[in-house]
C-alpha atoms as a PDB file:
ATOM      1  CA  MET A   1     -70.870 176.549  37.946  1.00  0.00           C
ATOM      2  CA  ASP A   2     -74.047 176.815  40.218  1.00  0.00           C
ATOM      3  CA  VAL A   3     -76.602 176.504  37.013  1.00  0.00           C
ATOM      4  CA  TYR A   4     -74.639 173.201  36.022  1.00  0.00           C
ATOM      5  CA  ASN A   5     -75.035 171.615  39.987  1.00  0.00           C
ATOM      6  CA  ARG A   6     -78.593 172.758  40.633  1.00  0.00           C
ATOM      7  CA  TYR A   7     -80.087 172.179  37.391  1.00  0.00           C
ATOM      8  CA  ILE A   8     -77.811 169.891  34.311  1.00  0.00           C
ATOM      9  CA  LEU A   9     -76.113 168.093  36.765  1.00  0.00           C
ATOM     10  CA  PRO A  10     -79.386 166.203  38.621  1.00  0.00           C
ATOM     11  CA  TRP A  11     -80.334 164.914  35.356  1.00  0.00           C
ATOM     12  CA  VAL A  12     -76.885 163.484  33.896  1.00  0.00           C
ATOM     13  CA  THR A  13     -77.106 161.653  38.049  1.00  0.00           C
ATOM     14  CA  ASN A  14     -80.443 160.447  37.408  1.00  0.00           C
ATOM     15  CA  LEU A  15     -79.605 159.348  33.260  1.00  0.00           C
ATOM     16  CA  ALA A  16     -76.732 157.378  35.200  1.00  0.00           C
ATOM     17  CA  CYS A  17     -78.334 156.205  38.419  1.00  0.00           C
ATOM     18  CA  SER A  18     -81.315 154.752  36.502  1.00  0.00           C
ATOM     19  CA  SER A  19     -79.277 152.346  33.838  1.00  0.00           C
ATOM     20  CA  ARG A  20     -80.665 149.128  33.364  1.00  0.00           C
ATOM     21  CA  PRO A  21     -77.489 147.411  35.492  1.00  0.00           C
ATOM     22  CA  ASN A  22     -77.751 149.623  38.021  1.00  0.00           C
ATOM     23  CA  MET A  23     -81.954 149.078  38.440  1.00  0.00           C
ATOM     24  CA  LYS A  24     -81.268 145.415  38.616  1.00  0.00           C
ATOM     25  CA  GLN A  25     -78.707 145.995  41.580  1.00  0.00           C
ATOM     26  CA  ARG A  26     -81.558 147.831  43.091  1.00  0.00           C
ATOM     27  CA  GLU A  27     -84.103 144.980  42.492  1.00  0.00           C
ATOM     28  CA  LYS A  28     -81.758 142.867  44.170  1.00  0.00           C
ATOM     29  CA  VAL A  29     -81.302 144.796  47.791  1.00  0.00           C
ATOM     30  CA  ILE A  30     -84.530 146.925  47.837  1.00  0.00           C
ATOM     31  CA  PRO A  31     -86.735 144.368  48.609  1.00  0.00           C
ATOM     32  CA  LEU A  32     -84.732 143.084  52.075  1.00  0.00           C
ATOM     33  CA  ALA A  33     -85.559 146.556  54.105  1.00  0.00           C
ATOM     34  CA  GLU A  34     -88.296 146.051  56.198  1.00  0.00           C
ATOM     35  CA  GLY A  35     -90.359 149.065  59.497  1.00  0.00           C
ATOM     36  CA  GLU A  36     -88.840 151.924  59.325  1.00  0.00           C
ATOM     37  CA  VAL A  37     -86.475 152.402  56.555  1.00  0.00           C
ATOM     38  CA  LEU A  38     -83.821 155.481  56.252  1.00  0.00           C
ATOM     39  CA  GLU A  39     -82.644 156.008  52.540  1.00  0.00           C
ATOM     40  CA  VAL A  40     -79.760 157.970  52.467  1.00  0.00           C
ATOM     41  CA  GLY A  41     -79.690 159.518  49.221  1.00  0.00           C
ATOM     42  CA  LEU A  42     -83.284 159.490  48.059  1.00  0.00           C
ATOM     43  CA  GLY A  43     -82.014 161.176  45.301  1.00  0.00           C
ATOM     44  CA  SER A  44     -84.930 161.020  42.539  1.00  0.00           C
ATOM     45  CA  GLY A  45     -86.562 158.302  43.846  1.00  0.00           C
ATOM     46  CA  LEU A  46     -85.618 155.164  41.849  1.00  0.00           C
ATOM     47  CA  ASN A  47     -85.567 152.723  44.784  1.00  0.00           C
ATOM     48  CA  LEU A  48     -89.313 153.621  45.352  1.00  0.00           C
ATOM     49  CA  PRO A  49     -91.024 150.587  43.038  1.00  0.00           C
ATOM     50  CA  TYR A  50     -88.883 147.978  45.086  1.00  0.00           C
ATOM     51  CA  TYR A  51     -90.061 148.980  48.529  1.00  0.00           C
ATOM     52  CA  ASP A  52     -92.801 146.104  49.383  1.00  0.00           C
ATOM     53  CA  THR A  53     -95.176 147.979  50.728  1.00  0.00           C
ATOM     54  CA  SER A  54     -96.632 144.454  52.966  1.00  0.00           C
ATOM     55  CA  LYS A  55     -93.337 144.666  55.110  1.00  0.00           C
ATOM     56  CA  VAL A  56     -92.244 148.029  55.011  1.00  0.00           C
ATOM     57  CA  SER A  57     -94.083 150.783  57.952  1.00  0.00           C
ATOM     58  CA  LYS A  58     -92.810 154.221  56.513  1.00  0.00           C
ATOM     59  CA  VAL A  59     -89.411 155.536  54.747  1.00  0.00           C
ATOM     60  CA  TRP A  60     -87.852 158.721  55.790  1.00  0.00           C
ATOM     61  CA  GLY A  61     -85.609 160.085  52.615  1.00  0.00           C
ATOM     62  CA  LEU A  62     -82.584 162.026  53.066  1.00  0.00           C
ATOM     63  CA  GLU A  63     -81.305 164.104  50.374  1.00  0.00           C
ATOM     64  CA  PRO A  64     -79.435 167.379  50.289  1.00  0.00           C
ATOM     65  CA  SER A  65     -79.740 168.065  46.647  1.00  0.00           C
ATOM     66  CA  GLU A  66     -82.679 171.072  45.110  1.00  0.00           C
ATOM     67  CA  GLY A  67     -82.122 169.474  42.025  1.00  0.00           C
ATOM     68  CA  MET A  68     -82.849 165.884  43.276  1.00  0.00           C
ATOM     69  CA  ARG A  69     -85.361 166.218  45.318  1.00  0.00           C
ATOM     70  CA  ARG A  70     -86.839 168.256  41.545  1.00  0.00           C
ATOM     71  CA  LEU A  71     -86.300 165.102  39.917  1.00  0.00           C
ATOM     72  CA  ALA A  72     -87.970 162.506  42.836  1.00  0.00           C
ATOM     73  CA  HIS A  73     -91.374 164.083  42.927  1.00  0.00           C
ATOM     74  CA  LYS A  74     -93.442 162.424  40.527  1.00  0.00           C
ATOM     75  CA  ARG A  75     -92.323 159.062  42.155  1.00  0.00           C
ATOM     76  CA  VAL A  76     -92.413 160.461  45.267  1.00  0.00           C
ATOM     77  CA  ARG A  77     -96.703 160.919  44.500  1.00  0.00           C
ATOM     78  CA  GLN A  78     -97.007 158.078  43.073  1.00  0.00           C
ATOM     79  CA  SER A  79     -95.253 156.117  45.532  1.00  0.00           C
ATOM     80  CA  GLN A  80     -98.432 154.142  47.798  1.00  0.00           C
ATOM     81  CA  LEU A  81     -95.349 154.415  51.003  1.00  0.00           C
ATOM     82  CA  GLU A  82     -95.885 156.927  53.763  1.00  0.00           C
ATOM     83  CA  LEU A  83     -92.898 158.452  53.183  1.00  0.00           C
ATOM     84  CA  GLU A  84     -91.312 162.141  54.614  1.00  0.00           C
ATOM     85  CA  MET A  85     -88.450 163.646  52.848  1.00  0.00           C
ATOM     86  CA  LEU A  86     -85.711 165.374  55.078  1.00  0.00           C
ATOM     87  CA  HIS A  87     -83.397 167.729  52.642  1.00  0.00           C
ATOM     88  CA  LEU A  88     -80.035 167.722  55.134  1.00  0.00           C
ATOM     89  CA  ARG A  89     -76.907 166.052  54.478  1.00  0.00           C
ATOM     90  CA  GLY A  90     -75.846 162.331  55.141  1.00  0.00           C
ATOM     91  CA  GLU A  91     -73.709 163.326  57.823  1.00  0.00           C
ATOM     92  CA  GLU A  92     -76.861 165.067  59.476  1.00  0.00           C
ATOM     93  CA  ILE A  93     -79.004 162.565  60.567  1.00  0.00           C
ATOM     94  CA  PRO A  94     -81.565 164.355  62.607  1.00  0.00           C
ATOM     95  CA  LEU A  95     -83.875 161.208  63.642  1.00  0.00           C
ATOM     96  CA  GLU A  96     -83.261 159.676  67.428  1.00  0.00           C
ATOM     97  CA  SER A  97     -81.561 157.240  68.270  1.00  0.00           C
ATOM     98  CA  SER A  98     -82.222 153.436  67.745  1.00  0.00           C
ATOM     99  CA  THR A  99     -85.452 154.023  66.198  1.00  0.00           C
ATOM    100  CA  ILE A 100     -84.814 152.889  62.562  1.00  0.00           C
ATOM    101  CA  ASP A 101     -84.901 148.893  61.743  1.00  0.00           C
ATOM    102  CA  THR A 102     -83.289 149.359  57.733  1.00  0.00           C
ATOM    103  CA  VAL A 103     -81.211 151.873  56.413  1.00  0.00           C
ATOM    104  CA  VAL A 104     -80.630 152.139  52.923  1.00  0.00           C
ATOM    105  CA  VAL A 105     -77.781 154.076  50.545  1.00  0.00           C
ATOM    106  CA  THR A 106     -77.235 153.089  47.125  1.00  0.00           C
ATOM    107  CA  TYR A 107     -75.316 154.663  44.934  1.00  0.00           C
ATOM    108  CA  THR A 108     -74.499 157.383  47.423  1.00  0.00           C
ATOM    109  CA  LEU A 109     -71.428 156.657  49.822  1.00  0.00           C
ATOM    110  CA  CYS A 110     -69.461 157.793  46.719  1.00  0.00           C
ATOM    111  CA  SER A 111     -70.420 161.651  46.790  1.00  0.00           C
ATOM    112  CA  ILE A 112     -70.481 162.195  50.962  1.00  0.00           C
ATOM    113  CA  PRO A 113     -67.562 164.427  51.888  1.00  0.00           C
ATOM    114  CA  ASP A 114     -67.012 162.443  54.852  1.00  0.00           C
ATOM    115  CA  ALA A 115     -68.623 159.184  54.586  1.00  0.00           C
ATOM    116  CA  GLU A 116     -67.508 158.012  57.645  1.00  0.00           C
ATOM    117  CA  ARG A 117     -69.451 160.249  59.641  1.00  0.00           C
ATOM    118  CA  ALA A 118     -72.375 159.343  57.777  1.00  0.00           C
ATOM    119  CA  LEU A 119     -72.253 156.032  58.409  1.00  0.00           C
ATOM    120  CA  ARG A 120     -71.388 155.985  62.140  1.00  0.00           C
ATOM    121  CA  GLY A 121     -74.345 158.516  61.580  1.00  0.00           C
ATOM    122  CA  MET A 122     -76.736 155.659  60.027  1.00  0.00           C
ATOM    123  CA  ARG A 123     -75.046 153.643  62.553  1.00  0.00           C
ATOM    124  CA  ARG A 124     -76.210 155.301  65.766  1.00  0.00           C
ATOM    125  CA  VAL A 125     -80.218 155.274  64.243  1.00  0.00           C
ATOM    126  CA  LEU A 126     -80.445 151.882  64.378  1.00  0.00           C
ATOM    127  CA  ARG A 127     -82.017 149.914  66.390  1.00  0.00           C
ATOM    128  CA  PRO A 128     -80.675 146.385  68.038  1.00  0.00           C
ATOM    129  CA  GLY A 129     -80.619 144.587  65.537  1.00  0.00           C
ATOM    130  CA  GLY A 130     -81.581 146.471  62.930  1.00  0.00           C
ATOM    131  CA  ARG A 131     -79.443 146.174  59.311  1.00  0.00           C
ATOM    132  CA  LEU A 132     -77.894 148.112  56.670  1.00  0.00           C
ATOM    133  CA  LEU A 133     -78.723 147.261  53.061  1.00  0.00           C
ATOM    134  CA  PHE A 134     -76.405 148.483  50.398  1.00  0.00           C
ATOM    135  CA  CYS A 135     -75.203 148.952  47.269  1.00  0.00           C
ATOM    136  CA  GLU A 136     -72.585 150.779  46.081  1.00  0.00           C
ATOM    137  CA  HIS A 137     -69.843 151.237  43.423  1.00  0.00           C
ATOM    138  CA  GLY A 138     -66.120 151.764  44.121  1.00  0.00           C
ATOM    139  CA  LEU A 139     -62.408 150.358  44.004  1.00  0.00           C
ATOM    140  CA  ALA A 140     -61.658 147.557  41.550  1.00  0.00           C
ATOM    141  CA  PRO A 141     -59.755 144.233  42.658  1.00  0.00           C
ATOM    142  CA  ASP A 142     -57.876 144.740  39.708  1.00  0.00           C
ATOM    143  CA  GLU A 143     -54.511 146.346  39.384  1.00  0.00           C
ATOM    144  CA  PRO A 144     -54.878 148.247  36.145  1.00  0.00           C
ATOM    145  CA  VAL A 145     -58.690 148.833  36.973  1.00  0.00           C
ATOM    146  CA  ARG A 146     -57.640 150.669  40.248  1.00  0.00           C
ATOM    147  CA  LYS A 147     -54.981 152.594  38.509  1.00  0.00           C
ATOM    148  CA  TRP A 148     -57.123 154.379  35.824  1.00  0.00           C
ATOM    149  CA  GLN A 149     -59.742 155.333  38.885  1.00  0.00           C
ATOM    150  CA  HIS A 150     -56.432 156.914  40.909  1.00  0.00           C
ATOM    151  CA  ARG A 151     -55.857 158.916  37.953  1.00  0.00           C
ATOM    152  CA  ILE A 152     -59.413 159.437  36.637  1.00  0.00           C
ATOM    153  CA  ASN A 153     -61.255 160.376  40.704  1.00  0.00           C
ATOM    154  CA  PRO A 154     -59.868 164.113  41.038  1.00  0.00           C
ATOM    155  CA  GLY A 155     -61.319 165.391  37.676  1.00  0.00           C
ATOM    156  CA  TRP A 156     -64.289 162.906  38.008  1.00  0.00           C
ATOM    157  CA  ARG A 157     -64.857 163.838  41.138  1.00  0.00           C
ATOM    158  CA  LEU A 158     -65.139 168.179  40.063  1.00  0.00           C
ATOM    159  CA  LEU A 159     -67.621 167.442  37.142  1.00  0.00           C
ATOM    160  CA  SER A 160     -70.041 164.598  38.718  1.00  0.00           C
ATOM    161  CA  GLY A 161     -71.240 166.251  42.030  1.00  0.00           C
ATOM    162  CA  GLY A 162     -68.089 164.960  44.696  1.00  0.00           C
ATOM    163  CA  CYS A 163     -68.356 161.262  43.042  1.00  0.00           C
ATOM    164  CA  ASN A 164     -65.224 159.245  43.908  1.00  0.00           C
ATOM    165  CA  VAL A 165     -64.748 156.577  41.951  1.00  0.00           C
ATOM    166  CA  ASN A 166     -62.178 154.346  44.072  1.00  0.00           C
ATOM    167  CA  ARG A 167     -63.558 154.258  47.593  1.00  0.00           C
ATOM    168  CA  ASP A 168     -63.172 150.686  49.413  1.00  0.00           C
ATOM    169  CA  ILE A 169     -66.966 150.262  50.418  1.00  0.00           C
ATOM    170  CA  PRO A 170     -66.121 147.409  52.820  1.00  0.00           C
ATOM    171  CA  GLY A 171     -63.218 149.283  54.522  1.00  0.00           C
ATOM    172  CA  LEU A 172     -65.698 152.347  54.777  1.00  0.00           C
ATOM    173  CA  LEU A 173     -68.514 150.047  56.400  1.00  0.00           C
ATOM    174  CA  GLU A 174     -65.907 148.478  58.671  1.00  0.00           C
ATOM    175  CA  SER A 175     -64.173 151.466  59.759  1.00  0.00           C
ATOM    176  CA  SER A 176     -67.454 152.779  60.974  1.00  0.00           C
ATOM    177  CA  GLY A 177     -68.279 150.044  62.671  1.00  0.00           C
ATOM    178  CA  PHE A 178     -70.102 147.566  60.452  1.00  0.00           C
ATOM    179  CA  ARG A 179     -70.187 144.427  60.594  1.00  0.00           C
ATOM    180  CA  ILE A 180     -70.535 143.075  56.760  1.00  0.00           C
ATOM    181  CA  VAL A 181     -72.940 139.834  56.539  1.00  0.00           C
ATOM    182  CA  VAL A 182     -73.901 139.189  53.707  1.00  0.00           C
ATOM    183  CA  ASP A 183     -70.476 140.091  50.586  1.00  0.00           C
ATOM    184  CA  GLU A 184     -71.868 140.502  47.134  1.00  0.00           C
ATOM    185  CA  ARG A 185     -68.981 141.547  44.644  1.00  0.00           C
ATOM    186  CA  MET A 186     -68.539 142.281  40.111  1.00  0.00           C
ATOM    187  CA  TYR A 187     -68.440 144.320  37.546  1.00  0.00           C
ATOM    188  CA  ILE A 188     -71.701 144.984  36.450  1.00  0.00           C
ATOM    189  CA  PRO A 189     -72.228 145.733  32.459  1.00  0.00           C
ATOM    190  CA  GLY A 190     -70.143 149.524  31.788  1.00  0.00           C
ATOM    191  CA  ALA A 191     -67.086 151.488  32.219  1.00  0.00           C
ATOM    192  CA  LYS A 192     -64.843 149.851  34.334  1.00  0.00           C
ATOM    193  CA  PHE A 193     -63.423 152.381  36.171  1.00  0.00           C
ATOM    194  CA  LEU A 194     -66.995 153.088  37.494  1.00  0.00           C
ATOM    195  CA  SER A 195     -68.793 149.227  37.338  1.00  0.00           C
ATOM    196  CA  TYR A 196     -67.428 147.075  40.550  1.00  0.00           C
ATOM    197  CA  ASN A 197     -70.374 147.242  42.372  1.00  0.00           C
ATOM    198  CA  TYR A 198     -71.145 145.855  46.366  1.00  0.00           C
ATOM    199  CA  TRP A 199     -74.087 144.895  47.483  1.00  0.00           C
ATOM    200  CA  GLY A 200     -75.264 143.202  50.996  1.00  0.00           C
ATOM    201  CA  THR A 201     -76.183 143.616  54.472  1.00  0.00           C
ATOM    202  CA  ALA A 202     -74.691 145.315  57.295  1.00  0.00           C
ATOM    203  CA  VAL A 203     -75.017 144.948  61.111  1.00  0.00           C
ATOM    204  CA  ALA A 204     -73.167 147.041  63.845  1.00  0.00           C
ATOM    205  CA  ASP A 205     -70.341 145.629  65.182  1.00  0.00           C
END
């Protein structure tokens, strides 16, 4: 299982997260980032090409997985951004309070074990007036799909490195002290149990 998690899972995750529908979602969200940015779950660096370098002064990329950092290496090297990697989990943000203008989290809240703790940390590091930009898959609005999500989730989580298909993304944000100010949601192309997306902007409440 260790070989799977270190070498196979990062490759599979990168392949899934770089699908055309997912990349179109990133394209909607990432150009809105500005100032000093904390990206929680940098993964293989799929967001990097979408940052507007004229608006972003620095990106802190938080990524605990050695395998994902390995896959990100080429994109990090090619990026024109000032970027510093942080090799810690989402629950362990090693930045001072009120130092970040924009927090970015894309397809990451599904797999952070303690997502509320991580979100409270993101809220802590945001400057007054700072924004959280999010794009996540999660709990579907249709009851038949939700039932399948709940049935599939235990096995899916085991095979996918902790990814949960049935997390209530708006509920997580609100219970962690955020207020959603831009709230978009829809099914994107793909398997319905995995393709209901939430994206938008949130601020500290």
